[in-house]
Amino acid sequence: MAVLKVIEVLSNSDKSWEDATRKAVKQASKSVKNIKSVYVQDQSAIVKGDDVTEFRVNLKLTFEVK
């Protein structure tokens, strides 16, 4: 039987929500091993003038505890 743990992670990108998600997983994997899935809980963006300048994600990472 596997034991899984979920942590909440926030990330941002100037390119896209997908890029922000990839950055979060890449950074978290430096200290969290055995990441199994990611669930994007919330998305938001920062607007300056008439341009979107930053994409933000609030996500949950699930990983297996050994």
PDB file of N, CA and C in Angstrom:
ATOM      1  N   MET A   1       0.845  -1.182   0.000  1.00  0.00           N
ATOM      2  CA  MET A   1       0.000   0.000   0.000  1.00  0.00           C
ATOM      3  C   MET A   1       0.890   1.246   0.000  1.00  0.00           C
ATOM      4  N   ALA A   2       0.590   2.178  -0.868  1.00  0.00           N
ATOM      5  CA  ALA A   2       1.348   3.420  -0.961  1.00  0.00           C
ATOM      6  C   ALA A   2       0.730   4.477  -0.059  1.00  0.00           C
ATOM      7  N   VAL A   3       1.592   5.291   0.524  1.00  0.00           N
ATOM      8  CA  VAL A   3       1.152   6.437   1.319  1.00  0.00           C
ATOM      9  C   VAL A   3       1.496   7.685   0.518  1.00  0.00           C
ATOM     10  N   LEU A   4       0.495   8.527   0.292  1.00  0.00           N
ATOM     11  CA  LEU A   4       0.683   9.742  -0.490  1.00  0.00           C
ATOM     12  C   LEU A   4       0.461  10.973   0.374  1.00  0.00           C
ATOM     13  N   LYS A   5       1.176  12.029   0.037  1.00  0.00           N
ATOM     14  CA  LYS A   5       1.034  13.296   0.749  1.00  0.00           C
ATOM     15  C   LYS A   5       0.775  14.392  -0.281  1.00  0.00           C
ATOM     16  N   VAL A   6       0.008  15.398   0.113  1.00  0.00           N
ATOM     17  CA  VAL A   6      -0.316  16.522  -0.767  1.00  0.00           C
ATOM     18  C   VAL A   6       0.201  17.806  -0.136  1.00  0.00           C
ATOM     19  N   ILE A   7       0.896  18.615  -0.943  1.00  0.00           N
ATOM     20  CA  ILE A   7       1.337  19.934  -0.485  1.00  0.00           C
ATOM     21  C   ILE A   7       0.825  20.983  -1.463  1.00  0.00           C
ATOM     22  N   GLU A   8       0.649  22.192  -0.977  1.00  0.00           N
ATOM     23  CA  GLU A   8       0.185  23.292  -1.810  1.00  0.00           C
ATOM     24  C   GLU A   8       1.379  24.136  -2.222  1.00  0.00           C
ATOM     25  N   VAL A   9       1.422  24.507  -3.504  1.00  0.00           N
ATOM     26  CA  VAL A   9       2.550  25.254  -4.058  1.00  0.00           C
ATOM     27  C   VAL A   9       2.006  26.409  -4.901  1.00  0.00           C
ATOM     28  N   LEU A  10       2.657  27.553  -4.826  1.00  0.00           N
ATOM     29  CA  LEU A  10       2.320  28.710  -5.642  1.00  0.00           C
ATOM     30  C   LEU A  10       3.474  28.965  -6.609  1.00  0.00           C
ATOM     31  N   SER A  11       3.137  29.359  -7.836  1.00  0.00           N
ATOM     32  CA  SER A  11       4.173  29.622  -8.832  1.00  0.00           C
ATOM     33  C   SER A  11       3.696  30.698  -9.793  1.00  0.00           C
ATOM     34  N   ASN A  12       4.644  31.312 -10.508  1.00  0.00           N
ATOM     35  CA  ASN A  12       4.284  32.331 -11.483  1.00  0.00           C
ATOM     36  C   ASN A  12       5.191  32.236 -12.708  1.00  0.00           C
ATOM     37  N   SER A  13       4.732  32.846 -13.802  1.00  0.00           N
ATOM     38  CA  SER A  13       5.488  32.876 -15.049  1.00  0.00           C
ATOM     39  C   SER A  13       5.055  34.086 -15.856  1.00  0.00           C
ATOM     40  N   ASP A  14       5.968  34.588 -16.661  1.00  0.00           N
ATOM     41  CA  ASP A  14       5.590  35.682 -17.555  1.00  0.00           C
ATOM     42  C   ASP A  14       5.121  35.154 -18.917  1.00  0.00           C
ATOM     43  N   LYS A  15       5.123  33.807 -19.093  1.00  0.00           N
ATOM     44  CA  LYS A  15       4.739  33.204 -20.371  1.00  0.00           C
ATOM     45  C   LYS A  15       3.319  32.647 -20.378  1.00  0.00           C
ATOM     46  N   SER A  16       3.006  31.743 -19.403  1.00  0.00           N
ATOM     47  CA  SER A  16       1.704  31.067 -19.420  1.00  0.00           C
ATOM     48  C   SER A  16       1.452  30.354 -18.098  1.00  0.00           C
ATOM     49  N   TRP A  17       0.202  29.903 -17.917  1.00  0.00           N
ATOM     50  CA  TRP A  17      -0.127  29.105 -16.742  1.00  0.00           C
ATOM     51  C   TRP A  17       0.569  27.752 -16.817  1.00  0.00           C
ATOM     52  N   GLU A  18       0.685  27.207 -18.022  1.00  0.00           N
ATOM     53  CA  GLU A  18       1.367  25.927 -18.195  1.00  0.00           C
ATOM     54  C   GLU A  18       2.835  26.040 -17.784  1.00  0.00           C
ATOM     55  N   ASP A  19       3.466  27.137 -18.179  1.00  0.00           N
ATOM     56  CA  ASP A  19       4.863  27.357 -17.807  1.00  0.00           C
ATOM     57  C   ASP A  19       5.002  27.513 -16.294  1.00  0.00           C
ATOM     58  N   ALA A  20       4.078  28.211 -15.672  1.00  0.00           N
ATOM     59  CA  ALA A  20       4.100  28.363 -14.214  1.00  0.00           C
ATOM     60  C   ALA A  20       3.970  27.003 -13.526  1.00  0.00           C
ATOM     61  N   THR A  21       3.119  26.130 -14.085  1.00  0.00           N
ATOM     62  CA  THR A  21       2.941  24.792 -13.526  1.00  0.00           C
ATOM     63  C   THR A  21       4.223  23.980 -13.671  1.00  0.00           C
ATOM     64  N   ARG A  22       4.824  24.026 -14.842  1.00  0.00           N
ATOM     65  CA  ARG A  22       6.087  23.298 -15.063  1.00  0.00           C
ATOM     66  C   ARG A  22       7.183  23.792 -14.120  1.00  0.00           C
ATOM     67  N   LYS A  23       7.264  25.111 -13.935  1.00  0.00           N
ATOM     68  CA  LYS A  23       8.264  25.683 -13.025  1.00  0.00           C
ATOM     69  C   LYS A  23       8.049  25.194 -11.596  1.00  0.00           C
ATOM     70  N   ALA A  24       6.797  25.123 -11.172  1.00  0.00           N
ATOM     71  CA  ALA A  24       6.488  24.670  -9.813  1.00  0.00           C
ATOM     72  C   ALA A  24       6.943  23.227  -9.613  1.00  0.00           C
ATOM     73  N   VAL A  25       6.641  22.363 -10.571  1.00  0.00           N
ATOM     74  CA  VAL A  25       7.028  20.954 -10.457  1.00  0.00           C
ATOM     75  C   VAL A  25       8.548  20.825 -10.479  1.00  0.00           C
ATOM     76  N   LYS A  26       9.205  21.531 -11.380  1.00  0.00           N
ATOM     77  CA  LYS A  26      10.669  21.461 -11.488  1.00  0.00           C
ATOM     78  C   LYS A  26      11.341  21.923 -10.192  1.00  0.00           C
ATOM     79  N   GLN A  27      10.870  23.028  -9.635  1.00  0.00           N
ATOM     80  CA  GLN A  27      11.463  23.556  -8.399  1.00  0.00           C
ATOM     81  C   GLN A  27      11.161  22.648  -7.211  1.00  0.00           C
ATOM     82  N   ALA A  28       9.919  22.180  -7.090  1.00  0.00           N
ATOM     83  CA  ALA A  28       9.549  21.309  -5.970  1.00  0.00           C
ATOM     84  C   ALA A  28      10.311  19.993  -6.015  1.00  0.00           C
ATOM     85  N   SER A  29      10.584  19.489  -7.221  1.00  0.00           N
ATOM     86  CA  SER A  29      11.271  18.197  -7.339  1.00  0.00           C
ATOM     87  C   SER A  29      12.714  18.245  -6.851  1.00  0.00           C
ATOM     88  N   LYS A  30      13.239  19.434  -6.611  1.00  0.00           N
ATOM     89  CA  LYS A  30      14.582  19.546  -6.039  1.00  0.00           C
ATOM     90  C   LYS A  30      14.617  19.080  -4.586  1.00  0.00           C
ATOM     91  N   SER A  31      13.487  19.208  -3.884  1.00  0.00           N
ATOM     92  CA  SER A  31      13.453  18.786  -2.483  1.00  0.00           C
ATOM     93  C   SER A  31      12.396  17.721  -2.192  1.00  0.00           C
ATOM     94  N   VAL A  32      11.418  17.573  -3.086  1.00  0.00           N
ATOM     95  CA  VAL A  32      10.359  16.576  -2.899  1.00  0.00           C
ATOM     96  C   VAL A  32      10.546  15.497  -3.956  1.00  0.00           C
ATOM     97  N   LYS A  33      10.692  14.265  -3.530  1.00  0.00           N
ATOM     98  CA  LYS A  33      10.892  13.152  -4.463  1.00  0.00           C
ATOM     99  C   LYS A  33       9.583  12.395  -4.664  1.00  0.00           C
ATOM    100  N   ASN A  34       9.522  11.641  -5.740  1.00  0.00           N
ATOM    101  CA  ASN A  34       8.382  10.767  -6.046  1.00  0.00           C
ATOM    102  C   ASN A  34       7.084  11.528  -6.302  1.00  0.00           C
ATOM    103  N   ILE A  35       7.160  12.680  -6.979  1.00  0.00           N
ATOM    104  CA  ILE A  35       5.946  13.420  -7.329  1.00  0.00           C
ATOM    105  C   ILE A  35       5.148  12.580  -8.315  1.00  0.00           C
ATOM    106  N   LYS A  36       3.875  12.390  -8.014  1.00  0.00           N
ATOM    107  CA  LYS A  36       3.005  11.540  -8.825  1.00  0.00           C
ATOM    108  C   LYS A  36       2.023  12.329  -9.680  1.00  0.00           C
ATOM    109  N   SER A  37       1.541  13.471  -9.164  1.00  0.00           N
ATOM    110  CA  SER A  37       0.559  14.244  -9.930  1.00  0.00           C
ATOM    111  C   SER A  37       0.535  15.681  -9.439  1.00  0.00           C
ATOM    112  N   VAL A  38      -0.094  16.513 -10.252  1.00  0.00           N
ATOM    113  CA  VAL A  38      -0.280  17.913  -9.895  1.00  0.00           C
ATOM    114  C   VAL A  38      -1.711  18.295 -10.262  1.00  0.00           C
ATOM    115  N   TYR A  39      -2.360  19.017  -9.372  1.00  0.00           N
ATOM    116  CA  TYR A  39      -3.725  19.492  -9.585  1.00  0.00           C
ATOM    117  C   TYR A  39      -3.713  21.012  -9.502  1.00  0.00           C
ATOM    118  N   VAL A  40      -4.045  21.665 -10.607  1.00  0.00           N
ATOM    119  CA  VAL A  40      -4.085  23.125 -10.621  1.00  0.00           C
ATOM    120  C   VAL A  40      -5.400  23.546  -9.986  1.00  0.00           C
ATOM    121  N   GLN A  41      -5.288  24.124  -8.804  1.00  0.00           N
ATOM    122  CA  GLN A  41      -6.456  24.503  -8.016  1.00  0.00           C
ATOM    123  C   GLN A  41      -7.011  25.861  -8.442  1.00  0.00           C
ATOM    124  N   ASP A  42      -6.109  26.777  -8.794  1.00  0.00           N
ATOM    125  CA  ASP A  42      -6.540  28.136  -9.088  1.00  0.00           C
ATOM    126  C   ASP A  42      -5.562  28.776 -10.064  1.00  0.00           C
ATOM    127  N   GLN A  43      -6.071  29.642 -10.925  1.00  0.00           N
ATOM    128  CA  GLN A  43      -5.252  30.402 -11.854  1.00  0.00           C
ATOM    129  C   GLN A  43      -5.625  31.868 -11.743  1.00  0.00           C
ATOM    130  N   SER A  44      -4.625  32.731 -11.869  1.00  0.00           N
ATOM    131  CA  SER A  44      -4.889  34.165 -11.891  1.00  0.00           C
ATOM    132  C   SER A  44      -3.806  34.826 -12.739  1.00  0.00           C
ATOM    133  N   ALA A  45      -4.017  36.094 -13.031  1.00  0.00           N
ATOM    134  CA  ALA A  45      -3.053  36.828 -13.846  1.00  0.00           C
ATOM    135  C   ALA A  45      -2.973  38.274 -13.366  1.00  0.00           C
ATOM    136  N   ILE A  46      -1.813  38.866 -13.580  1.00  0.00           N
ATOM    137  CA  ILE A  46      -1.588  40.274 -13.270  1.00  0.00           C
ATOM    138  C   ILE A  46      -1.644  41.054 -14.583  1.00  0.00           C
ATOM    139  N   VAL A  47      -2.386  42.152 -14.586  1.00  0.00           N
ATOM    140  CA  VAL A  47      -2.529  42.982 -15.776  1.00  0.00           C
ATOM    141  C   VAL A  47      -1.952  44.357 -15.492  1.00  0.00           C
ATOM    142  N   LYS A  48      -1.128  44.831 -16.424  1.00  0.00           N
ATOM    143  CA  LYS A  48      -0.598  46.192 -16.352  1.00  0.00           C
ATOM    144  C   LYS A  48      -0.932  46.872 -17.670  1.00  0.00           C
ATOM    145  N   GLY A  49      -1.659  47.960 -17.581  1.00  0.00           N
ATOM    146  CA  GLY A  49      -2.132  48.620 -18.791  1.00  0.00           C
ATOM    147  C   GLY A  49      -3.160  47.728 -19.464  1.00  0.00           C
ATOM    148  N   ASP A  50      -2.873  47.323 -20.678  1.00  0.00           N
ATOM    149  CA  ASP A  50      -3.783  46.414 -21.378  1.00  0.00           C
ATOM    150  C   ASP A  50      -3.104  45.080 -21.693  1.00  0.00           C
ATOM    151  N   ASP A  51      -2.031  44.750 -20.950  1.00  0.00           N
ATOM    152  CA  ASP A  51      -1.296  43.507 -21.166  1.00  0.00           C
ATOM    153  C   ASP A  51      -1.273  42.632 -19.920  1.00  0.00           C
ATOM    154  N   VAL A  52      -1.372  41.330 -20.131  1.00  0.00           N
ATOM    155  CA  VAL A  52      -1.150  40.368 -19.048  1.00  0.00           C
ATOM    156  C   VAL A  52       0.358  40.242 -18.884  1.00  0.00           C
ATOM    157  N   THR A  53       0.842  40.532 -17.691  1.00  0.00           N
ATOM    158  CA  THR A  53       2.288  40.530 -17.461  1.00  0.00           C
ATOM    159  C   THR A  53       2.773  39.340 -16.640  1.00  0.00           C
ATOM    160  N   GLU A  54       1.853  38.676 -15.945  1.00  0.00           N
ATOM    161  CA  GLU A  54       2.259  37.558 -15.097  1.00  0.00           C
ATOM    162  C   GLU A  54       1.095  36.581 -14.938  1.00  0.00           C
ATOM    163  N   PHE A  55       1.404  35.297 -15.086  1.00  0.00           N
ATOM    164  CA  PHE A  55       0.438  34.225 -14.879  1.00  0.00           C
ATOM    165  C   PHE A  55       0.773  33.539 -13.564  1.00  0.00           C
ATOM    166  N   ARG A  56      -0.240  33.281 -12.745  1.00  0.00           N
ATOM    167  CA  ARG A  56      -0.027  32.656 -11.440  1.00  0.00           C
ATOM    168  C   ARG A  56      -0.884  31.409 -11.296  1.00  0.00           C
ATOM    169  N   VAL A  57      -0.314  30.383 -10.656  1.00  0.00           N
ATOM    170  CA  VAL A  57      -1.064  29.162 -10.368  1.00  0.00           C
ATOM    171  C   VAL A  57      -0.917  28.808  -8.900  1.00  0.00           C
ATOM    172  N   ASN A  58      -1.981  28.280  -8.357  1.00  0.00           N
ATOM    173  CA  ASN A  58      -1.996  27.704  -7.019  1.00  0.00           C
ATOM    174  C   ASN A  58      -2.300  26.233  -7.261  1.00  0.00           C
ATOM    175  N   LEU A  59      -1.366  25.355  -6.933  1.00  0.00           N
ATOM    176  CA  LEU A  59      -1.565  23.952  -7.254  1.00  0.00           C
ATOM    177  C   LEU A  59      -1.241  23.052  -6.084  1.00  0.00           C
ATOM    178  N   LYS A  60      -1.721  21.812  -6.213  1.00  0.00           N
ATOM    179  CA  LYS A  60      -1.465  20.786  -5.205  1.00  0.00           C
ATOM    180  C   LYS A  60      -0.628  19.693  -5.843  1.00  0.00           C
ATOM    181  N   LEU A  61       0.502  19.408  -5.203  1.00  0.00           N
ATOM    182  CA  LEU A  61       1.396  18.336  -5.647  1.00  0.00           C
ATOM    183  C   LEU A  61       1.171  17.107  -4.777  1.00  0.00           C
ATOM    184  N   THR A  62       1.022  15.974  -5.417  1.00  0.00           N
ATOM    185  CA  THR A  62       0.883  14.719  -4.697  1.00  0.00           C
ATOM    186  C   THR A  62       2.151  13.902  -4.889  1.00  0.00           C
ATOM    187  N   PHE A  63       2.716  13.406  -3.791  1.00  0.00           N
ATOM    188  CA  PHE A  63       3.912  12.590  -3.888  1.00  0.00           C
ATOM    189  C   PHE A  63       3.829  11.408  -2.937  1.00  0.00           C
ATOM    190  N   GLU A  64       4.576  10.372  -3.301  1.00  0.00           N
ATOM    191  CA  GLU A  64       4.572   9.157  -2.506  1.00  0.00           C
ATOM    192  C   GLU A  64       5.601   9.250  -1.391  1.00  0.00           C
ATOM    193  N   VAL A  65       5.182   8.892  -0.200  1.00  0.00           N
ATOM    194  CA  VAL A  65       6.064   8.868   0.958  1.00  0.00           C
ATOM    195  C   VAL A  65       6.649   7.474   1.053  1.00  0.00           C
ATOM    196  N   LYS A  66       7.961   7.377   1.050  1.00  0.00           N
ATOM    197  CA  LYS A  66       8.633   6.065   1.121  1.00  0.00           C
ATOM    198  C   LYS A  66       8.899   5.672   2.558  1.00  0.00           C
TER     199      LYS A  66
END
